[in-house]
Amino acid sequence: MGILAKCIHIQEPLQYYNRRLPASDGSGKSSYTLQQGINDESCPNWNECDSNPSSVYWKMASKMFAEAACGVVQVMLNGSIEAGAFRSHSIFGSVEILNLDPTKVSTVKIWLMHDLGGPQSESCTGPSVTKLKDMLKGRNFQVSCEDNYRPVLLVQCISKPNHEACRLCTSATSL
């Protein structure tokens, strides 16, 4: 069984409740009604309501995920985001980091990836990644960071195989 087949898709239970069905009122308009389950109209946006069903679900799932982590933890961040790769108010920054157990997790490896052909807004020495590393070190984790981790880069190359970053050998590498 491949690695992707072993992944647990924790969003699937929530998707059941958030399915929308087209209304069949004969008007020809594409109006929608919420299927029986969670009423997502009372707190429509993640940032507008702490008890938004989606927010509550992801915070709890992320807390449990972080509490169960052990050994070496790998974190992949997007270094092409102008606002910074790490945001302390994100679920990762505000829930997962705080619930990692330093007695169970030995090392946190940060993989800072950039979009192929996209901007490289931040590197492992950038301000938001430095803030993340300081937070983790303050909680007694060993921390490492690598820009454009090669195995992940090669996965990106599937969609852009002719991109210069996708060459198997560079001038510094010989067969």
Foldseek 3Di string as FASTA:
>chain_A
DDPVVPDDDLCVVVVVQADWDADPPVPPDRDIDGDPHDDQPVPVDVVRDCVRVVNVSVLVVLLVVLLPDAEEAEAEFEQQDQVGRDDLPDSCNPRNLVNHDCVGYAAYEYEHEYQQVGDRNDACPDDRNVVVVVSNVVNVHHYYYDYHPPVVVCVSCVVPVPRPVNDPDDPVDDD
